[in-house]
Each structure stands twice: as structure tokens, then as C-alpha cells.
Protein backbone atom coordinates (compact mmCIF):
# COMPACT_ATOMS: atom_id res chain seq x y z
CA MET A 1 128.10 -43.95 51.93
CA LYS A 2 130.32 -46.54 50.25
CA ARG A 3 134.00 -45.62 49.88
CA PHE A 4 136.61 -46.81 47.41
CA ASP A 5 140.08 -45.76 46.36
CA VAL A 6 138.96 -45.59 42.72
CA LEU A 7 135.55 -45.38 41.07
CA ILE A 8 135.39 -46.19 37.34
CA ALA A 9 132.45 -44.96 35.26
CA GLY A 10 131.99 -47.25 32.26
CA GLY A 11 131.80 -51.01 32.03
CA GLY A 12 132.82 -51.59 28.42
CA LEU A 13 136.31 -53.07 28.07
CA ASN A 14 138.79 -50.41 29.19
CA GLY A 15 137.06 -49.80 32.52
CA PRO A 16 137.01 -53.43 33.71
CA THR A 17 140.59 -54.00 32.47
CA LEU A 18 141.81 -51.03 34.49
CA ALA A 19 139.79 -52.18 37.50
CA ILE A 20 141.45 -55.61 37.45
CA ALA A 21 144.92 -54.07 37.19
CA LEU A 22 144.34 -51.67 40.09
CA ALA A 23 142.62 -54.24 42.30
CA GLY A 24 145.52 -56.62 41.76
CA ALA A 25 147.85 -53.95 43.17
CA GLY A 26 145.79 -53.57 46.35
CA LEU A 27 143.46 -50.67 45.56
CA SER A 28 139.74 -50.89 46.33
CA VAL A 29 137.86 -50.35 43.07
CA ALA A 30 134.23 -50.11 41.94
CA VAL A 31 132.99 -50.13 38.33
CA VAL A 32 129.68 -48.47 37.46
CA ASP A 33 128.32 -50.19 34.37
CA PRO A 34 125.10 -48.91 32.72
CA ARG A 35 124.41 -52.25 31.07
CA PRO A 36 123.38 -55.36 33.00
CA ALA A 37 126.36 -57.73 33.03
CA THR A 38 124.26 -60.73 31.99
CA ALA A 39 123.23 -58.95 28.78
CA ARG A 40 126.79 -59.34 27.47
CA ALA A 41 128.27 -62.20 29.50
CA ASP A 42 125.73 -64.68 28.08
CA ALA A 43 125.84 -63.29 24.53
CA ALA A 44 125.85 -65.62 21.53
CA PHE A 45 128.01 -65.04 18.45
CA ASP A 46 127.14 -61.73 16.81
CA GLY A 47 130.28 -60.99 14.79
CA ARG A 48 131.66 -58.15 16.89
CA ALA A 49 135.40 -58.60 17.33
CA TYR A 50 138.57 -56.64 18.02
CA ALA A 51 142.05 -56.65 16.52
CA LEU A 52 144.29 -56.94 19.57
CA SER A 53 147.91 -55.88 19.12
CA ILE A 54 150.82 -57.85 20.57
CA ALA A 55 151.13 -55.27 23.35
CA SER A 56 147.44 -55.63 24.22
CA THR A 57 147.66 -59.42 24.47
CA ARG A 58 150.70 -59.02 26.72
CA LEU A 59 148.68 -56.75 28.99
CA LEU A 60 145.94 -59.37 29.19
CA GLY A 61 148.63 -61.92 29.94
CA ALA A 62 150.02 -59.84 32.78
CA LEU A 63 146.50 -59.73 34.28
CA GLY A 64 146.19 -63.52 34.04
CA LEU A 65 143.52 -63.46 31.32
CA TRP A 66 145.25 -64.33 28.04
CA THR A 67 145.95 -68.03 28.70
CA ASP A 68 142.23 -68.83 28.58
CA LEU A 69 141.51 -66.34 25.79
CA ALA A 70 144.28 -67.35 23.37
CA PRO A 71 142.58 -70.57 22.15
CA LYS A 72 139.49 -68.52 21.23
CA ALA A 73 141.48 -65.92 19.26
CA GLN A 74 142.57 -65.94 15.62
CA PRO A 75 146.23 -64.97 14.99
CA MET A 76 146.78 -62.39 12.25
CA ARG A 77 149.88 -63.60 10.44
CA GLN A 78 149.80 -61.19 7.51
CA ILE A 79 148.24 -57.84 6.61
CA LYS A 80 147.65 -56.83 3.00
CA ALA A 81 146.65 -53.23 2.28
CA SER A 82 145.76 -51.85 -1.14
CA GLN A 83 143.88 -48.96 -2.66
CA GLY A 84 141.10 -49.49 -5.15
CA GLN A 85 138.21 -51.85 -5.65
CA PRO A 86 138.66 -55.20 -3.80
CA GLY A 87 136.60 -57.19 -6.28
CA SER A 88 139.01 -56.28 -9.09
CA GLY A 89 142.10 -57.59 -7.32
CA ALA A 90 145.11 -55.93 -5.72
CA ALA A 91 146.39 -52.61 -7.03
CA PRO A 92 149.85 -52.65 -8.66
CA CYS A 93 151.37 -51.07 -5.54
CA PHE A 94 150.29 -52.44 -2.19
CA LEU A 95 151.57 -53.08 1.31
CA HIS A 96 152.24 -56.58 2.58
CA PHE A 97 153.15 -57.05 6.23
CA ASP A 98 154.25 -60.55 7.22
CA SER A 99 154.71 -61.40 10.90
CA ALA A 100 157.63 -63.63 9.94
CA GLU A 101 159.65 -60.40 9.59
CA ILE A 102 159.41 -59.61 13.31
CA GLU A 103 160.48 -61.78 16.23
CA GLU A 104 157.37 -61.40 18.38
CA GLY A 105 155.05 -63.70 16.42
CA PRO A 106 151.66 -62.78 14.89
CA VAL A 107 151.08 -59.06 14.34
CA GLY A 108 147.95 -59.37 16.44
CA HIS A 109 144.92 -61.50 17.24
CA MET A 110 141.23 -61.17 16.42
CA LEU A 111 139.03 -61.84 19.46
CA GLU A 112 135.26 -61.69 19.76
CA ASP A 113 133.72 -59.13 22.10
CA ARG A 114 131.70 -61.79 23.95
CA PHE A 115 134.81 -63.75 24.93
CA LEU A 116 136.81 -60.72 26.03
CA TYR A 117 133.99 -59.26 28.10
CA ALA A 118 133.25 -62.59 29.79
CA ALA A 119 136.92 -62.91 30.74
CA LEU A 120 136.94 -59.39 32.19
CA LEU A 121 133.77 -60.10 34.13
CA ALA A 122 135.34 -63.23 35.61
CA GLY A 123 138.54 -61.31 36.37
CA MET A 124 136.60 -58.71 38.37
CA ASP A 125 134.65 -61.31 40.33
CA GLY A 126 135.62 -61.21 44.01
CA ARG A 127 138.13 -58.39 43.54
CA VAL A 128 136.15 -55.47 42.09
CA THR A 129 132.73 -54.14 43.11
CA HIS A 130 130.68 -54.28 39.90
CA LEU A 131 127.65 -51.99 40.02
CA ASP A 132 125.92 -52.99 36.79
CA GLY A 133 122.69 -51.49 35.50
CA LEU A 134 123.66 -48.10 36.97
CA ALA A 135 125.29 -44.87 35.78
CA VAL A 136 127.06 -41.91 37.34
CA THR A 137 124.74 -38.91 37.11
CA GLU A 138 126.50 -36.33 39.30
CA GLN A 139 130.00 -35.74 40.67
CA ALA A 140 131.52 -33.23 43.07
CA ALA A 141 135.28 -33.02 43.66
CA ASP A 142 137.05 -31.45 46.61
CA ALA A 143 140.50 -31.40 48.18
CA THR A 144 140.26 -34.90 49.66
CA GLY A 145 138.19 -36.86 47.15
CA ILE A 146 135.19 -36.97 44.87
CA THR A 147 131.57 -37.88 45.54
CA ALA A 148 129.56 -39.50 42.76
CA THR A 149 125.79 -39.87 42.68
CA LEU A 150 124.44 -42.89 40.82
CA SER A 151 121.22 -43.27 38.87
CA ASP A 152 119.56 -45.09 41.78
CA GLY A 153 120.31 -42.18 44.12
CA GLN A 154 123.12 -43.78 46.12
CA GLN A 155 126.35 -41.86 46.63
CA ILE A 156 129.89 -43.20 46.46
CA ARG A 157 133.02 -41.54 47.77
CA ALA A 158 136.40 -42.17 46.10
CA GLY A 159 139.85 -40.68 45.87
CA LEU A 160 139.64 -40.68 42.07
CA LEU A 161 136.91 -40.95 39.44
CA ILE A 162 137.95 -42.42 36.10
CA GLY A 163 135.88 -41.77 32.99
CA ALA A 164 135.81 -44.85 30.78
CA ASP A 165 132.37 -43.91 29.54
CA GLY A 166 132.96 -43.34 25.84
CA ARG A 167 132.97 -40.42 23.41
CA GLY A 168 129.99 -38.73 25.04
CA SER A 169 131.69 -39.01 28.44
CA GLY A 170 129.49 -37.60 31.18
CA VAL A 171 132.47 -37.68 33.54
CA ALA A 172 134.44 -35.41 31.20
CA ALA A 173 131.52 -33.04 30.64
CA ARG A 174 130.78 -32.66 34.35
CA ALA A 175 134.48 -32.02 35.00
CA GLY A 176 134.39 -29.15 32.47
CA ILE A 177 136.63 -30.91 29.94
CA ALA A 178 135.83 -29.71 26.42
CA ARG A 179 136.17 -31.80 23.27
CA ARG A 180 137.33 -31.10 19.74
CA GLY A 181 136.64 -33.14 16.65
CA TRP A 182 134.65 -33.59 13.48
CA GLY A 183 132.60 -36.13 11.63
CA TYR A 184 133.92 -37.96 8.58
CA GLY A 185 130.65 -38.14 6.69
CA GLN A 186 131.15 -41.91 6.85
CA THR A 187 129.35 -44.74 8.62
CA ALA A 188 130.87 -48.15 9.39
CA LEU A 189 128.85 -51.23 8.49
CA VAL A 190 129.99 -54.20 10.58
CA ALA A 191 129.15 -57.87 9.98
CA ALA A 192 130.64 -61.36 10.11
CA ILE A 193 130.93 -63.45 6.96
CA ASP A 194 131.24 -67.21 6.45
CA HIS A 195 133.33 -68.24 3.43
CA ASP A 196 134.27 -71.52 1.77
CA LEU A 197 138.04 -71.03 1.52
CA PRO A 198 140.46 -70.59 4.47
CA HIS A 199 141.71 -67.06 5.13
CA GLU A 200 145.16 -68.30 6.27
CA GLY A 201 145.19 -65.70 9.04
CA ILE A 202 145.52 -62.83 6.54
CA ALA A 203 143.86 -59.47 7.22
CA HIS A 204 142.92 -57.34 4.21
CA GLN A 205 142.46 -53.57 4.12
CA TYR A 206 141.11 -51.93 0.96
CA PHE A 207 141.12 -48.14 0.66
CA MET A 208 138.36 -46.74 -1.53
CA ALA A 209 137.11 -43.21 -2.14
CA THR A 210 133.90 -43.88 -0.18
CA GLY A 211 135.84 -45.30 2.79
CA PRO A 212 138.00 -48.28 3.77
CA LEU A 213 136.89 -51.91 3.81
CA ALA A 214 138.60 -54.28 6.25
CA ILE A 215 138.28 -58.07 6.06
CA LEU A 216 139.65 -59.51 9.29
CA PRO A 217 140.14 -63.23 10.01
CA LEU A 218 138.13 -64.99 12.72
CA PRO A 219 138.50 -68.63 13.84
CA GLY A 220 137.45 -71.12 11.17
CA ASN A 221 136.31 -70.06 7.71
CA ARG A 222 134.83 -66.83 8.97
CA SER A 223 135.87 -63.16 8.80
CA SER A 224 134.77 -59.88 10.31
CA VAL A 225 133.96 -57.08 7.86
CA VAL A 226 134.25 -53.39 8.78
CA TRP A 227 132.95 -51.55 5.73
CA SER A 228 132.97 -47.74 5.69
CA GLU A 229 130.68 -45.90 3.28
CA THR A 230 129.41 -42.36 2.94
CA ASP A 231 126.58 -41.67 5.37
CA ALA A 232 123.95 -41.65 2.62
CA ASN A 233 125.17 -44.91 1.06
CA ALA A 234 125.48 -46.57 4.45
CA ARG A 235 121.94 -45.63 5.47
CA ALA A 236 120.57 -47.12 2.27
CA ILE A 237 122.67 -50.29 2.56
CA ALA A 238 121.90 -50.78 6.27
CA ALA A 239 118.17 -50.63 5.51
CA LEU A 240 118.37 -53.51 3.03
CA PRO A 241 117.26 -57.03 3.97
CA ASP A 242 120.10 -59.52 4.45
CA ASP A 243 120.02 -60.98 0.94
CA GLU A 244 120.15 -57.55 -0.71
CA PHE A 245 122.88 -56.42 1.71
CA MET A 246 124.99 -59.38 0.61
CA ALA A 247 124.31 -58.59 -3.04
CA VAL A 248 125.89 -55.17 -2.51
CA LEU A 249 128.79 -56.52 -0.43
CA ARG A 250 129.84 -59.42 -2.70
CA PRO A 251 131.36 -57.36 -5.55
CA ARG A 252 133.26 -55.26 -3.01
CA PHE A 253 134.41 -58.30 -1.04
CA GLY A 254 135.57 -60.22 -4.10
CA ASP A 255 135.73 -63.98 -4.62
CA PHE A 256 139.20 -64.75 -3.23
CA LEU A 257 137.63 -66.64 -0.29
CA GLY A 258 135.01 -68.40 -2.41
CA PRO A 259 131.24 -68.08 -1.86
CA ILE A 260 130.32 -65.95 1.16
CA ALA A 261 127.28 -65.79 3.45
CA LEU A 262 126.20 -63.55 6.29
CA ALA A 263 126.89 -64.89 9.81
CA GLY A 264 125.31 -63.20 12.81
CA ALA A 265 123.91 -59.71 13.20
CA ARG A 266 124.71 -56.52 11.31
CA PHE A 267 125.70 -53.25 12.99
CA SER A 268 126.36 -49.68 11.91
CA TYR A 269 127.81 -46.64 13.62
CA PRO A 270 128.83 -43.13 12.47
CA LEU A 271 132.54 -42.34 12.24
CA SER A 272 134.12 -39.26 13.75
CA LEU A 273 137.19 -37.91 15.51
CA SER A 274 136.70 -36.77 19.11
CA LEU A 275 139.59 -35.58 21.29
CA ALA A 276 139.31 -34.40 24.89
CA GLU A 277 141.23 -31.17 25.44
CA SER A 278 142.57 -32.61 28.69
CA TYR A 279 142.79 -36.17 30.00
CA VAL A 280 142.66 -35.04 33.63
CA ALA A 281 140.86 -32.62 35.93
CA GLU A 282 140.46 -32.32 39.71
CA ARG A 283 140.06 -35.92 40.97
CA VAL A 284 139.25 -37.09 37.42
CA ALA A 285 141.13 -39.01 34.69
CA LEU A 286 139.90 -40.20 31.28
CA VAL A 287 140.79 -43.37 29.37
CA GLY A 288 139.82 -44.89 26.03
CA ASP A 289 137.15 -43.23 23.91
CA ALA A 290 136.40 -40.79 26.73
CA ALA A 291 139.84 -39.33 25.97
CA HIS A 292 140.12 -40.00 22.23
CA GLY A 293 137.62 -41.43 19.76
CA VAL A 294 139.40 -42.33 16.52
CA HIS A 295 138.70 -43.62 13.01
CA PRO A 296 138.68 -47.46 12.92
CA ILE A 297 141.41 -47.69 10.26
CA ALA A 298 143.82 -50.43 11.41
CA GLY A 299 141.51 -51.27 14.33
CA GLN A 300 143.55 -49.28 16.83
CA GLY A 301 140.74 -47.86 18.99
CA LEU A 302 140.74 -50.52 21.72
CA ASN A 303 144.52 -50.89 21.60
CA LEU A 304 144.89 -47.17 22.14
CA GLY A 305 142.57 -47.37 25.14
CA LEU A 306 144.53 -50.27 26.62
CA ARG A 307 147.69 -48.18 26.35
CA ASP A 308 145.92 -45.61 28.52
CA VAL A 309 144.94 -48.34 30.97
CA ALA A 310 148.52 -49.61 31.25
CA ALA A 311 150.00 -46.13 31.74
CA LEU A 312 147.39 -44.90 34.23
CA ALA A 313 147.57 -48.10 36.27
CA GLU A 314 151.35 -47.79 36.51
CA VAL A 315 151.22 -44.13 37.52
CA LEU A 316 148.59 -44.75 40.21
CA VAL A 317 150.26 -47.84 41.66
CA GLU A 318 153.65 -46.14 41.82
CA ALA A 319 152.04 -43.14 43.55
CA LEU A 320 150.32 -45.46 46.03
CA ARG A 321 153.59 -47.16 46.88
CA ARG A 322 155.23 -43.79 47.48
CA GLY A 323 152.44 -42.77 49.83
CA GLU A 324 151.07 -40.07 47.51
CA ASP A 325 147.44 -39.08 47.07
CA ILE A 326 146.54 -41.00 43.90
CA GLY A 327 143.83 -38.48 42.99
CA SER A 328 146.02 -35.39 43.21
CA ILE A 329 146.47 -33.37 40.06
CA LEU A 330 150.26 -33.73 40.29
CA VAL A 331 149.93 -37.50 40.05
CA LEU A 332 147.32 -37.35 37.28
CA GLU A 333 149.40 -34.97 35.19
CA ARG A 334 152.10 -37.66 34.98
CA TYR A 335 149.57 -39.87 33.25
CA GLN A 336 148.52 -37.11 30.87
CA GLY A 337 152.12 -36.31 30.03
CA TRP A 338 152.75 -39.96 29.24
CA ARG A 339 149.72 -40.58 27.05
CA ARG A 340 148.41 -37.43 25.42
CA PHE A 341 151.02 -36.95 22.71
CA ASP A 342 151.03 -40.60 21.60
CA ALA A 343 147.23 -40.84 21.50
CA THR A 344 146.76 -37.54 19.69
CA ALA A 345 149.50 -38.30 17.15
CA LEU A 346 147.97 -41.69 16.34
CA ALA A 347 144.45 -40.25 16.12
CA LEU A 348 145.52 -37.49 13.75
CA GLY A 349 147.65 -39.93 11.77
CA MET A 350 144.64 -42.16 11.12
CA ASP A 351 142.61 -39.08 10.27
CA GLY A 352 145.22 -38.12 7.70
CA VAL A 353 145.31 -41.59 6.16
CA ASN A 354 141.53 -41.62 5.82
CA ARG A 355 141.53 -38.19 4.16
CA LEU A 356 144.37 -39.17 1.84
CA PHE A 357 142.48 -42.19 0.55
CA ALA A 358 139.00 -40.63 0.54
CA THR A 359 139.37 -39.27 -2.98
CA ASP A 360 139.49 -40.79 -6.45
CA ASN A 361 141.60 -37.98 -7.92
CA PRO A 362 143.95 -39.86 -10.32
CA LEU A 363 146.99 -37.71 -9.46
CA ILE A 364 146.58 -38.30 -5.74
CA ALA A 365 145.86 -41.98 -6.39
CA GLY A 366 149.16 -42.25 -8.26
CA LEU A 367 151.08 -40.61 -5.41
CA ARG A 368 149.35 -42.89 -2.89
CA GLY A 369 150.32 -45.95 -4.88
CA ALA A 370 153.92 -44.80 -5.18
CA GLY A 371 154.07 -44.16 -1.45
CA MET A 372 152.72 -47.62 -0.64
CA GLY A 373 155.22 -49.12 -3.04
CA ILE A 374 158.12 -47.30 -1.38
CA VAL A 375 157.10 -48.40 2.13
CA GLY A 376 156.51 -51.96 0.95
CA GLY A 377 159.87 -52.11 -0.79
CA ILE A 378 162.05 -51.06 2.16
CA PRO A 379 162.32 -53.88 4.73
CA GLY A 380 163.39 -51.63 7.61
CA LEU A 381 160.53 -49.20 7.03
CA ARG A 382 158.07 -52.05 6.59
CA ARG A 383 159.12 -53.61 9.91
CA ARG A 384 158.81 -50.24 11.60
CA PHE A 385 155.19 -49.95 10.44
CA MET A 386 154.51 -53.50 11.67
CA ARG A 387 155.97 -52.79 15.09
CA GLN A 388 153.86 -49.65 15.33
CA ALA A 389 150.71 -51.60 14.47
CA ALA A 390 151.68 -54.27 16.99
CA GLY A 391 151.93 -51.64 19.75
CA LEU A 392 155.65 -52.24 20.22
CA ALA A 393 156.83 -48.72 19.37
CA VAL A 394 155.47 -46.97 22.47
CA ASP A 395 158.24 -45.12 24.32
CA PRO A 396 158.42 -45.41 27.24
CA MET A 397 156.51 -48.69 27.32
CA PRO A 398 154.23 -49.25 30.33
CA ARG A 399 155.11 -52.42 32.26
CA LEU A 400 151.78 -54.14 31.57
CA LEU A 401 152.29 -53.81 27.80
CA THR A 402 155.49 -55.81 28.12
CA GLY A 403 153.68 -58.60 29.95
CA ARG A 404 155.16 -57.74 33.36
CA PRO A 405 152.91 -57.24 36.38
CA LEU A 406 152.83 -53.91 38.19
């Protein structure tokens, strides 16, 4: 039976990032990844990308990954948010966040999934045991560790099992951790768009009654679109051929970037809120979507998961250096105490924003506009919102999110 200090179930982005951080501190780590690594490492452009906050890029820098990734990323220098129909121009009251108002530089960076995953794969090479094409199917915890059975029948023994296996986390379910949440009746349509005019590094967020539409800058004259519609509308739009899909998108997108054309594949996924009732159990900890699946407003899902990664890594490494059992519930509860309130507050905050804007009631629309105008007109409040979006308002801030190694 193979033995490791830590076994991580889930090979998306949070799991490998955590594995690199822990391995760098001297822990033996294995990652069980259901997808073959080559299926993503050799991927061509498909339009999937993430909005990385300043704190997240600092974490990647502390792990030695950001230097090579930065040239492939697109800085977001401004964010413009407005309610209403994008094709008709900005509403009278809107929010405008300019990174020139904070000292840390761009509010964030857009980075394609294929580049980030390839960097994580390279970062694990030689330091982390990567068991790709496999899944954890059973787990049994006891006083000294946890035994996991994989889909090929082999068993692995570890001091701690970490669930980084998404909203339907098998690790959480087998540990008896219940979930709460609800669907939004919305589906996100995701695509990349080529356009004639430069985006100038500006991200746009339009709030409409059927759901938000985000236009996020990618390198060159290209942007990522995350377009939320009601489930029924989204199903109908997703079923359209590319030319008809673009005919529906164009009036919503507007003409401020000139003529637009589809670039790469199209994706869709249902939107919901899913919160684990606990982030820890005996010999088990959860990170990322396994702990909290949130609405994609402001693109905070991955950033929220990387906050978990930074906090859990710090808790475990400090426990290791003190000679503690890293899988003990006393150690794991420190992680939960650090992360649960912040993650839940942000998740519910985004839920509230989505509900506030998901109506075309004229009275509520007027109050929304007034509120956006107030926030936009007060420099101190505006900077506070920017720092929150940039991941700089976490207190206490894990070391990795400041760019310092563990």
C-alpha cells in the first residue's frame, strides 16, 4: 500500500496548486485526477479563462509559477459595471473601477485555463505523485490516518484526505458532510469573441433581469463572454448553430468593440449555490467548490478556492513544524475557523447581488441605480470595493496571498 502525508482528490486547479504548496514545504503528496493529464495539458485555445485577483497572482508567484504565466495573461486595468441592456449603452448610474486608484497595479489578470493547468502540471512534476485517470471511490478514516480506495482497486494510506473534487464532492459525501444550496434558474453560456477594436484591458459587467453578462479582456483583440440567461432561454440559445448564436449575442454585446466573431468552442453550465455545512471531518478537509460553489458574478469562484488553498497550506505546514498530527481535527478546525466565514459571506453576497439585479421592477431598478451611483461617487468606498475584488481585504491574510513562501 502506498503511503503519503496528504492525498488530494481532484485534479482541477485548486488541488494541484495545494499539492505544489505542500510538497514545497516537505510533505509527501499525491493527487488523484479523474481526467488524463494529456487531455488538458495539450489543449488548444477554447476560450475558457479565469479572472485572477491580485492575491491569486501573488500566490502563484510564491509557488514560482507566475513569472512564466504573466506574459500569457491579460491585465484588467478597469472594470465597468452597469444595469440594463448592453447594446443600448451605459445606464445613467454605473460603477467604474480604475486600477490607477490603488497602488498594487491591475485589479486582476485574465488567464486561459490551458496555460494555468499546464503550469500546474509542470509544477507538480518530480515533486507530487500525479495519479491521473483515476478517482477516489471509497475512504475509511481512523485515529491514525485514512485509507482511500481508487477506481483501479489500489489503496492509498494518508494522514489527511483533501476534497478538491467539486460541488458534487464524493469526499464530502463519504465523510457525511451535508450541503445546502439552491439553483438560480439560470445557465451560463461561455464563449470567446474576436473583435476589431482593442478592449484596452477593460472588463464590462452588465446586469440584466435574465442574468448578468460579463465581457472580459483576453490578450489581443479577443474577449471572454460569460452570459447568464434563464434556463429555458439558455437551452434554446445553446442549441443554435454558431451563426444564429452570434445573431442573438450581438445586440446584447453591443458594437463598442466593432464587429465581433466567435472564437473557439462554446460551453454552458447551470448556476447554483452550494455550501458544505462543514469544511472538515475526521481526517478530511474540503477546498474550492467542494466547500462552496458560488455564482460567477465577478469571477470570484477560483479566487475563493485559492484563498482556501493558501489558508489550509499555512495551517498544515505550521502544524507539521510544531510536530502535530496534520490530520487531527484540532488542526483542521483552525483551517475551518479561518475560511468558513469569509467564504460564506462572499457566496451569500454574490447571491444577494444576483437576486437584486434579477428583476426589471422599475422601483427596484431605480434604487439599484442610485446605489451604484453612490458607491461610484465616493472614492474611499470605491477603492474598498476594488480591494475586495482584488483579494486584498482578507483578514488575516494567508502568507501565500501576500507573495511570501510558507
